[in-house]
Amino acid sequence: MERKEFMIELNGIIETIHTYTRNPFMVGYTKELRKSIRYNDIETLRIVLDKVIAWYQEEIDHIVHDEYVFNKTMHEKAFGILKEYRQALHA
């Protein structure tokens, strides 16, 4: 995944996360994610992506099985995009 494509997807990813949680750590991570991609700060971007992906790894089962979560497929898509872009940073 290219940087520009990730930038296009980023707002949807962040808003999807915010529909599920207002955890202050996640709010901070998503702010840093926006900032690091905007300023092309690859070091911070990798750190924050790892933190957001780790959060999703812990929460995705809860999200998928929670009867009150209405946008499960959007969470799965967001999680997938985050992992795909993080992998692209390794290449």
C-alpha atoms as a PDB file:
ATOM      1  CA  MET A   1       0.000   0.000   0.000  1.00  0.00           C
ATOM      2  CA  GLU A   2       1.316   3.415  -0.946  1.00  0.00           C
ATOM      3  CA  ARG A   3       1.529   6.333   1.494  1.00  0.00           C
ATOM      4  CA  LYS A   4      -1.014   8.410  -0.424  1.00  0.00           C
ATOM      5  CA  GLU A   5      -3.574   5.586  -0.390  1.00  0.00           C
ATOM      6  CA  PHE A   6      -3.048   5.128   3.353  1.00  0.00           C
ATOM      7  CA  MET A   7      -3.555   8.866   3.870  1.00  0.00           C
ATOM      8  CA  ILE A   8      -6.883   8.609   2.015  1.00  0.00           C
ATOM      9  CA  GLU A   9      -7.996   5.704   4.226  1.00  0.00           C
ATOM     10  CA  LEU A  10      -6.706   7.164   7.490  1.00  0.00           C
ATOM     11  CA  ASN A  11      -9.695   9.317   8.449  1.00  0.00           C
ATOM     12  CA  GLY A  12     -12.042   6.351   8.031  1.00  0.00           C
ATOM     13  CA  ILE A  13      -9.765   4.178  10.143  1.00  0.00           C
ATOM     14  CA  ILE A  14      -9.566   6.734  12.938  1.00  0.00           C
ATOM     15  CA  GLU A  15     -13.296   7.453  12.943  1.00  0.00           C
ATOM     16  CA  THR A  16     -14.016   3.714  13.025  1.00  0.00           C
ATOM     17  CA  ILE A  17     -11.770   3.315  16.061  1.00  0.00           C
ATOM     18  CA  HIS A  18     -13.433   6.284  17.762  1.00  0.00           C
ATOM     19  CA  THR A  19     -16.901   4.743  17.311  1.00  0.00           C
ATOM     20  CA  TYR A  20     -15.722   1.917  19.554  1.00  0.00           C
ATOM     21  CA  THR A  21     -13.491   3.601  22.112  1.00  0.00           C
ATOM     22  CA  ARG A  22     -12.559   6.933  23.615  1.00  0.00           C
ATOM     23  CA  ASN A  23      -9.659   5.374  25.482  1.00  0.00           C
ATOM     24  CA  PRO A  24      -7.243   8.276  26.050  1.00  0.00           C
ATOM     25  CA  PHE A  25      -4.296   6.211  24.848  1.00  0.00           C
ATOM     26  CA  MET A  26      -6.046   5.387  21.570  1.00  0.00           C
ATOM     27  CA  VAL A  27      -7.122   9.009  21.112  1.00  0.00           C
ATOM     28  CA  GLY A  28      -3.490  10.020  21.568  1.00  0.00           C
ATOM     29  CA  TYR A  29      -2.220   7.315  19.219  1.00  0.00           C
ATOM     30  CA  THR A  30      -4.659   8.312  16.491  1.00  0.00           C
ATOM     31  CA  LYS A  31      -3.631  11.972  16.808  1.00  0.00           C
ATOM     32  CA  GLU A  32       0.015  10.968  16.489  1.00  0.00           C
ATOM     33  CA  LEU A  33      -0.845   8.712  13.576  1.00  0.00           C
ATOM     34  CA  ARG A  34      -2.387  11.646  11.704  1.00  0.00           C
ATOM     35  CA  LYS A  35       0.537  13.908  12.539  1.00  0.00           C
ATOM     36  CA  SER A  36       3.265  11.417  11.684  1.00  0.00           C
ATOM     37  CA  ILE A  37       1.775  10.574   8.280  1.00  0.00           C
ATOM     38  CA  ARG A  38       1.233  14.265   7.507  1.00  0.00           C
ATOM     39  CA  TYR A  39       4.855  15.137   8.287  1.00  0.00           C
ATOM     40  CA  ASN A  40       6.248  11.868   6.903  1.00  0.00           C
ATOM     41  CA  ASP A  41       7.798  11.024  10.295  1.00  0.00           C
ATOM     42  CA  ILE A  42       8.465   7.355   9.594  1.00  0.00           C
ATOM     43  CA  GLU A  43       9.971   6.534  12.996  1.00  0.00           C
ATOM     44  CA  THR A  44       6.940   7.833  14.913  1.00  0.00           C
ATOM     45  CA  LEU A  45       4.597   6.329  12.329  1.00  0.00           C
ATOM     46  CA  ARG A  46       6.048   2.846  12.897  1.00  0.00           C
ATOM     47  CA  ILE A  47       5.794   3.171  16.675  1.00  0.00           C
ATOM     48  CA  VAL A  48       2.210   4.395  16.596  1.00  0.00           C
ATOM     49  CA  LEU A  49       1.122   1.851  13.984  1.00  0.00           C
ATOM     50  CA  ASP A  50       2.531  -0.909  16.181  1.00  0.00           C
ATOM     51  CA  LYS A  51       0.566   0.404  19.167  1.00  0.00           C
ATOM     52  CA  VAL A  52      -2.710   0.716  17.239  1.00  0.00           C
ATOM     53  CA  ILE A  53      -2.262  -2.723  15.656  1.00  0.00           C
ATOM     54  CA  ALA A  54      -1.512  -4.241  19.078  1.00  0.00           C
ATOM     55  CA  TRP A  55      -4.685  -2.639  20.449  1.00  0.00           C
ATOM     56  CA  TYR A  56      -6.716  -4.071  17.566  1.00  0.00           C
ATOM     57  CA  GLN A  57      -5.172  -7.512  18.099  1.00  0.00           C
ATOM     58  CA  GLU A  58      -6.401  -7.410  21.692  1.00  0.00           C
ATOM     59  CA  GLU A  59      -9.840  -5.972  20.880  1.00  0.00           C
ATOM     60  CA  ILE A  60     -10.883  -7.463  17.531  1.00  0.00           C
ATOM     61  CA  ASP A  61     -12.504 -10.580  19.031  1.00  0.00           C
ATOM     62  CA  HIS A  62     -14.502  -8.410  21.437  1.00  0.00           C
ATOM     63  CA  ILE A  63     -15.533  -6.115  18.581  1.00  0.00           C
ATOM     64  CA  VAL A  64     -16.604  -8.972  16.306  1.00  0.00           C
ATOM     65  CA  HIS A  65     -18.625 -10.711  19.024  1.00  0.00           C
ATOM     66  CA  ASP A  66     -20.171  -7.629  20.668  1.00  0.00           C
ATOM     67  CA  GLU A  67     -23.849  -7.437  19.753  1.00  0.00           C
ATOM     68  CA  TYR A  68     -23.828  -3.652  20.162  1.00  0.00           C
ATOM     69  CA  VAL A  69     -21.016  -2.974  17.681  1.00  0.00           C
ATOM     70  CA  PHE A  70     -22.747  -2.057  14.425  1.00  0.00           C
ATOM     71  CA  ASN A  71     -19.718  -1.601  12.171  1.00  0.00           C
ATOM     72  CA  LYS A  72     -17.820  -4.856  12.621  1.00  0.00           C
ATOM     73  CA  THR A  73     -16.787  -5.090   8.959  1.00  0.00           C
ATOM     74  CA  MET A  74     -15.388  -1.566   9.072  1.00  0.00           C
ATOM     75  CA  HIS A  75     -13.223  -2.546  12.048  1.00  0.00           C
ATOM     76  CA  GLU A  76     -11.961  -5.607  10.203  1.00  0.00           C
ATOM     77  CA  LYS A  77     -11.204  -3.452   7.167  1.00  0.00           C
ATOM     78  CA  ALA A  78      -9.439  -0.804   9.278  1.00  0.00           C
ATOM     79  CA  PHE A  79      -7.365  -3.456  11.041  1.00  0.00           C
ATOM     80  CA  GLY A  80      -6.409  -4.989   7.707  1.00  0.00           C
ATOM     81  CA  ILE A  81      -5.368  -1.641   6.216  1.00  0.00           C
ATOM     82  CA  LEU A  82      -3.236  -0.827   9.255  1.00  0.00           C
ATOM     83  CA  LYS A  83      -1.443  -4.181   9.030  1.00  0.00           C
ATOM     84  CA  GLU A  84      -0.986  -3.868   5.272  1.00  0.00           C
ATOM     85  CA  TYR A  85       0.517  -0.399   5.525  1.00  0.00           C
ATOM     86  CA  ARG A  86       2.774  -1.392   8.406  1.00  0.00           C
ATOM     87  CA  GLN A  87       4.048  -4.291   6.333  1.00  0.00           C
ATOM     88  CA  ALA A  88       4.669  -1.919   3.410  1.00  0.00           C
ATOM     89  CA  LEU A  89       6.915   0.158   5.669  1.00  0.00           C
ATOM     90  CA  HIS A  90       9.169  -2.887   6.088  1.00  0.00           C
ATOM     91  CA  ALA A  91       9.601  -3.285   2.319  1.00  0.00           C
END
